[in-house]
Amino acid sequence: MTTKASKTPRKSLSGLAIFAVVILLIIVQAQRMSVEHTYCEDDVPVPGQQGNKTGSLNTEGAPDVLMLGAAWCPACKAAIRFLDKNNINYCEYDMETNAIGASLYKEVNGRSVPILFIGQYRIHGFSEATVTRALQDTGLL
């Protein structure tokens, strides 16, 4: 025989679970919106790269760092926050939604994101220490 008292904890737990899911979704959405992207306009040269399609363009006014990323990528967002915090001139191609980004990603045989081009360095993934070293070696930090 089921009593009314035994149903109340289940209702409370399911209500709490729904509340927790809603809060989690709000937090995830807030993190997604907290990073502003600086998308590359048109075709820009890849720093330190010669012989590719974009490397032959005039580099005057080009960004110091070029990033191939994706909107869903947490490491890309961390890289953007790092570059912004350090006032680094960069731009990003989304390799999923931008034709130039997709072409570059294929050209460099991309397997993951982000890919950062800093001077002669091509960095796969984001490590603050590695990016800092590359920026220091190229005189950008």
C-alpha atoms as a PDB file:
ATOM      1  CA  MET A   1       0.000   0.000   0.000  1.00  0.00           C
ATOM      2  CA  THR A   2       1.377   3.367  -1.033  1.00  0.00           C
ATOM      3  CA  THR A   3       0.957   6.303   1.261  1.00  0.00           C
ATOM      4  CA  LYS A   4       0.709   9.935   0.283  1.00  0.00           C
ATOM      5  CA  ALA A   5       3.867  10.760   2.275  1.00  0.00           C
ATOM      6  CA  SER A   6       6.024   8.497   0.088  1.00  0.00           C
ATOM      7  CA  LYS A   7       5.064  10.371  -3.122  1.00  0.00           C
ATOM      8  CA  THR A   8       6.035  13.820  -1.841  1.00  0.00           C
ATOM      9  CA  PRO A   9       9.829  13.229  -1.783  1.00  0.00           C
ATOM     10  CA  ARG A  10       9.761  12.030  -5.426  1.00  0.00           C
ATOM     11  CA  LYS A  11       7.893  15.151  -6.512  1.00  0.00           C
ATOM     12  CA  SER A  12      10.365  17.307  -4.603  1.00  0.00           C
ATOM     13  CA  LEU A  13      13.319  15.529  -6.166  1.00  0.00           C
ATOM     14  CA  SER A  14      11.952  15.818  -9.704  1.00  0.00           C
ATOM     15  CA  GLY A  15      11.218  19.518  -9.146  1.00  0.00           C
ATOM     16  CA  LEU A  16      14.737  20.023  -7.819  1.00  0.00           C
ATOM     17  CA  ALA A  17      16.202  18.137 -10.783  1.00  0.00           C
ATOM     18  CA  ILE A  18      14.279  20.317 -13.254  1.00  0.00           C
ATOM     19  CA  PHE A  19      15.431  23.443 -11.413  1.00  0.00           C
ATOM     20  CA  ALA A  20      19.066  22.236 -11.515  1.00  0.00           C
ATOM     21  CA  VAL A  21      18.866  21.527 -15.257  1.00  0.00           C
ATOM     22  CA  VAL A  22      17.427  24.997 -15.937  1.00  0.00           C
ATOM     23  CA  ILE A  23      20.209  26.647 -13.900  1.00  0.00           C
ATOM     24  CA  LEU A  24      22.831  24.563 -15.702  1.00  0.00           C
ATOM     25  CA  LEU A  25      21.436  25.575 -19.096  1.00  0.00           C
ATOM     26  CA  ILE A  26      21.507  29.247 -18.085  1.00  0.00           C
ATOM     27  CA  ILE A  27      25.140  28.942 -16.990  1.00  0.00           C
ATOM     28  CA  VAL A  28      26.160  27.193 -20.228  1.00  0.00           C
ATOM     29  CA  GLN A  29      24.373  29.803 -22.336  1.00  0.00           C
ATOM     30  CA  ALA A  30      25.997  32.634 -20.374  1.00  0.00           C
ATOM     31  CA  GLN A  31      29.435  31.150 -21.015  1.00  0.00           C
ATOM     32  CA  ARG A  32      28.705  30.823 -24.718  1.00  0.00           C
ATOM     33  CA  MET A  33      27.636  34.448 -24.906  1.00  0.00           C
ATOM     34  CA  SER A  34      30.474  35.823 -22.772  1.00  0.00           C
ATOM     35  CA  VAL A  35      33.072  35.625 -25.548  1.00  0.00           C
ATOM     36  CA  GLU A  36      32.933  38.049 -28.414  1.00  0.00           C
ATOM     37  CA  HIS A  37      34.541  36.764 -31.566  1.00  0.00           C
ATOM     38  CA  THR A  38      36.678  38.925 -33.800  1.00  0.00           C
ATOM     39  CA  TYR A  39      36.053  37.220 -37.100  1.00  0.00           C
ATOM     40  CA  CYS A  40      38.438  37.718 -39.986  1.00  0.00           C
ATOM     41  CA  GLU A  41      37.124  39.821 -42.794  1.00  0.00           C
ATOM     42  CA  ASP A  42      37.792  38.476 -46.258  1.00  0.00           C
ATOM     43  CA  ASP A  43      41.085  36.717 -46.931  1.00  0.00           C
ATOM     44  CA  VAL A  44      43.882  37.608 -44.496  1.00  0.00           C
ATOM     45  CA  PRO A  45      47.472  36.369 -44.506  1.00  0.00           C
ATOM     46  CA  VAL A  46      48.418  33.587 -42.135  1.00  0.00           C
ATOM     47  CA  PRO A  47      51.208  34.934 -39.881  1.00  0.00           C
ATOM     48  CA  GLY A  48      54.574  33.329 -40.634  1.00  0.00           C
ATOM     49  CA  GLN A  49      53.213  31.106 -43.397  1.00  0.00           C
ATOM     50  CA  GLN A  50      54.606  31.328 -46.910  1.00  0.00           C
ATOM     51  CA  GLY A  51      53.402  29.500 -49.969  1.00  0.00           C
ATOM     52  CA  ASN A  52      49.764  29.084 -49.020  1.00  0.00           C
ATOM     53  CA  LYS A  53      46.884  30.850 -50.703  1.00  0.00           C
ATOM     54  CA  THR A  54      46.559  33.525 -48.043  1.00  0.00           C
ATOM     55  CA  GLY A  55      50.284  33.929 -47.360  1.00  0.00           C
ATOM     56  CA  SER A  56      50.855  35.823 -50.597  1.00  0.00           C
ATOM     57  CA  LEU A  57      48.660  38.763 -49.588  1.00  0.00           C
ATOM     58  CA  ASN A  58      49.977  42.090 -48.327  1.00  0.00           C
ATOM     59  CA  THR A  59      50.601  41.672 -44.596  1.00  0.00           C
ATOM     60  CA  GLU A  60      50.206  45.362 -43.697  1.00  0.00           C
ATOM     61  CA  GLY A  61      47.321  45.694 -41.254  1.00  0.00           C
ATOM     62  CA  ALA A  62      47.062  41.921 -40.887  1.00  0.00           C
ATOM     63  CA  PRO A  63      46.372  40.413 -37.469  1.00  0.00           C
ATOM     64  CA  ASP A  64      49.316  39.196 -35.388  1.00  0.00           C
ATOM     65  CA  VAL A  65      47.462  35.965 -34.615  1.00  0.00           C
ATOM     66  CA  LEU A  66      45.075  34.029 -36.794  1.00  0.00           C
ATOM     67  CA  MET A  67      42.905  31.365 -35.232  1.00  0.00           C
ATOM     68  CA  LEU A  68      40.893  28.594 -36.835  1.00  0.00           C
ATOM     69  CA  GLY A  69      38.118  27.714 -34.421  1.00  0.00           C
ATOM     70  CA  ALA A  70      34.500  26.710 -33.995  1.00  0.00           C
ATOM     71  CA  ALA A  71      31.595  28.288 -32.110  1.00  0.00           C
ATOM     72  CA  TRP A  72      31.098  25.223 -29.881  1.00  0.00           C
ATOM     73  CA  CYS A  73      34.775  24.924 -28.874  1.00  0.00           C
ATOM     74  CA  PRO A  74      35.573  25.725 -25.201  1.00  0.00           C
ATOM     75  CA  ALA A  75      39.340  25.848 -25.873  1.00  0.00           C
ATOM     76  CA  CYS A  76      38.685  28.395 -28.635  1.00  0.00           C
ATOM     77  CA  LYS A  77      36.781  30.569 -26.166  1.00  0.00           C
ATOM     78  CA  ALA A  78      39.647  30.285 -23.680  1.00  0.00           C
ATOM     79  CA  ALA A  79      42.102  31.331 -26.403  1.00  0.00           C
ATOM     80  CA  ILE A  80      39.921  34.321 -27.327  1.00  0.00           C
ATOM     81  CA  ARG A  81      39.677  35.423 -23.687  1.00  0.00           C
ATOM     82  CA  PHE A  82      43.468  35.103 -23.353  1.00  0.00           C
ATOM     83  CA  LEU A  83      44.155  37.085 -26.527  1.00  0.00           C
ATOM     84  CA  ASP A  84      41.659  39.787 -25.530  1.00  0.00           C
ATOM     85  CA  LYS A  85      43.078  40.015 -21.994  1.00  0.00           C
ATOM     86  CA  ASN A  86      46.569  40.517 -23.427  1.00  0.00           C
ATOM     87  CA  ASN A  87      45.453  43.002 -26.119  1.00  0.00           C
ATOM     88  CA  ILE A  88      46.734  40.805 -28.954  1.00  0.00           C
ATOM     89  CA  ASN A  89      45.615  41.751 -32.470  1.00  0.00           C
ATOM     90  CA  TYR A  90      43.927  38.588 -33.740  1.00  0.00           C
ATOM     91  CA  CYS A  91      41.083  37.353 -35.861  1.00  0.00           C
ATOM     92  CA  GLU A  92      39.307  34.028 -36.157  1.00  0.00           C
ATOM     93  CA  TYR A  93      37.911  31.981 -38.983  1.00  0.00           C
ATOM     94  CA  ASP A  94      35.172  29.579 -37.948  1.00  0.00           C
ATOM     95  CA  MET A  95      36.202  26.469 -39.836  1.00  0.00           C
ATOM     96  CA  GLU A  96      32.617  25.194 -39.912  1.00  0.00           C
ATOM     97  CA  THR A  97      30.732  28.280 -41.080  1.00  0.00           C
ATOM     98  CA  ASN A  98      33.279  30.247 -43.115  1.00  0.00           C
ATOM     99  CA  ALA A  99      34.471  29.102 -46.543  1.00  0.00           C
ATOM    100  CA  ILE A 100      37.948  30.604 -46.098  1.00  0.00           C
ATOM    101  CA  GLY A 101      38.215  29.027 -42.640  1.00  0.00           C
ATOM    102  CA  ALA A 102      37.143  25.648 -43.993  1.00  0.00           C
ATOM    103  CA  SER A 103      39.667  25.924 -46.830  1.00  0.00           C
ATOM    104  CA  LEU A 104      42.518  26.873 -44.487  1.00  0.00           C
ATOM    105  CA  TYR A 105      41.573  24.097 -42.073  1.00  0.00           C
ATOM    106  CA  LYS A 106      41.764  21.597 -44.915  1.00  0.00           C
ATOM    107  CA  GLU A 107      44.980  23.153 -46.263  1.00  0.00           C
ATOM    108  CA  VAL A 108      46.778  22.757 -42.915  1.00  0.00           C
ATOM    109  CA  ASN A 109      45.345  19.264 -42.464  1.00  0.00           C
ATOM    110  CA  GLY A 110      43.423  20.336 -39.362  1.00  0.00           C
ATOM    111  CA  ARG A 111      42.309  17.609 -36.979  1.00  0.00           C
ATOM    112  CA  SER A 112      41.096  19.696 -34.033  1.00  0.00           C
ATOM    113  CA  VAL A 113      40.439  23.274 -32.982  1.00  0.00           C
ATOM    114  CA  PRO A 114      41.704  25.760 -32.180  1.00  0.00           C
ATOM    115  CA  ILE A 115      44.673  26.116 -34.453  1.00  0.00           C
ATOM    116  CA  LEU A 116      46.599  29.317 -33.763  1.00  0.00           C
ATOM    117  CA  PHE A 117      49.101  30.840 -36.167  1.00  0.00           C
ATOM    118  CA  ILE A 118      51.564  33.091 -34.328  1.00  0.00           C
ATOM    119  CA  GLY A 119      54.608  34.142 -36.347  1.00  0.00           C
ATOM    120  CA  GLN A 120      56.324  30.943 -37.456  1.00  0.00           C
ATOM    121  CA  TYR A 121      54.379  28.885 -34.905  1.00  0.00           C
ATOM    122  CA  ARG A 122      51.326  26.760 -35.587  1.00  0.00           C
ATOM    123  CA  ILE A 123      49.762  25.688 -32.298  1.00  0.00           C
ATOM    124  CA  HIS A 124      47.095  22.974 -32.144  1.00  0.00           C
ATOM    125  CA  GLY A 125      44.854  23.296 -29.107  1.00  0.00           C
ATOM    126  CA  PHE A 126      45.180  25.969 -26.447  1.00  0.00           C
ATOM    127  CA  SER A 127      47.702  26.065 -23.650  1.00  0.00           C
ATOM    128  CA  GLU A 128      48.259  29.450 -22.051  1.00  0.00           C
ATOM    129  CA  ALA A 129      51.936  28.644 -21.468  1.00  0.00           C
ATOM    130  CA  THR A 130      52.544  27.569 -25.074  1.00  0.00           C
ATOM    131  CA  VAL A 131      50.750  30.577 -26.551  1.00  0.00           C
ATOM    132  CA  THR A 132      52.565  32.919 -24.152  1.00  0.00           C
ATOM    133  CA  ARG A 133      55.921  31.474 -25.244  1.00  0.00           C
ATOM    134  CA  ALA A 134      55.046  31.867 -28.928  1.00  0.00           C
ATOM    135  CA  LEU A 135      53.875  35.448 -28.379  1.00  0.00           C
ATOM    136  CA  GLN A 136      57.059  36.249 -26.456  1.00  0.00           C
ATOM    137  CA  ASP A 137      59.280  34.642 -29.113  1.00  0.00           C
ATOM    138  CA  THR A 138      57.632  36.740 -31.813  1.00  0.00           C
ATOM    139  CA  GLY A 139      57.839  39.953 -29.763  1.00  0.00           C
ATOM    140  CA  LEU A 140      54.073  40.306 -29.352  1.00  0.00           C
ATOM    141  CA  LEU A 141      54.057  39.944 -25.576  1.00  0.00           C
END
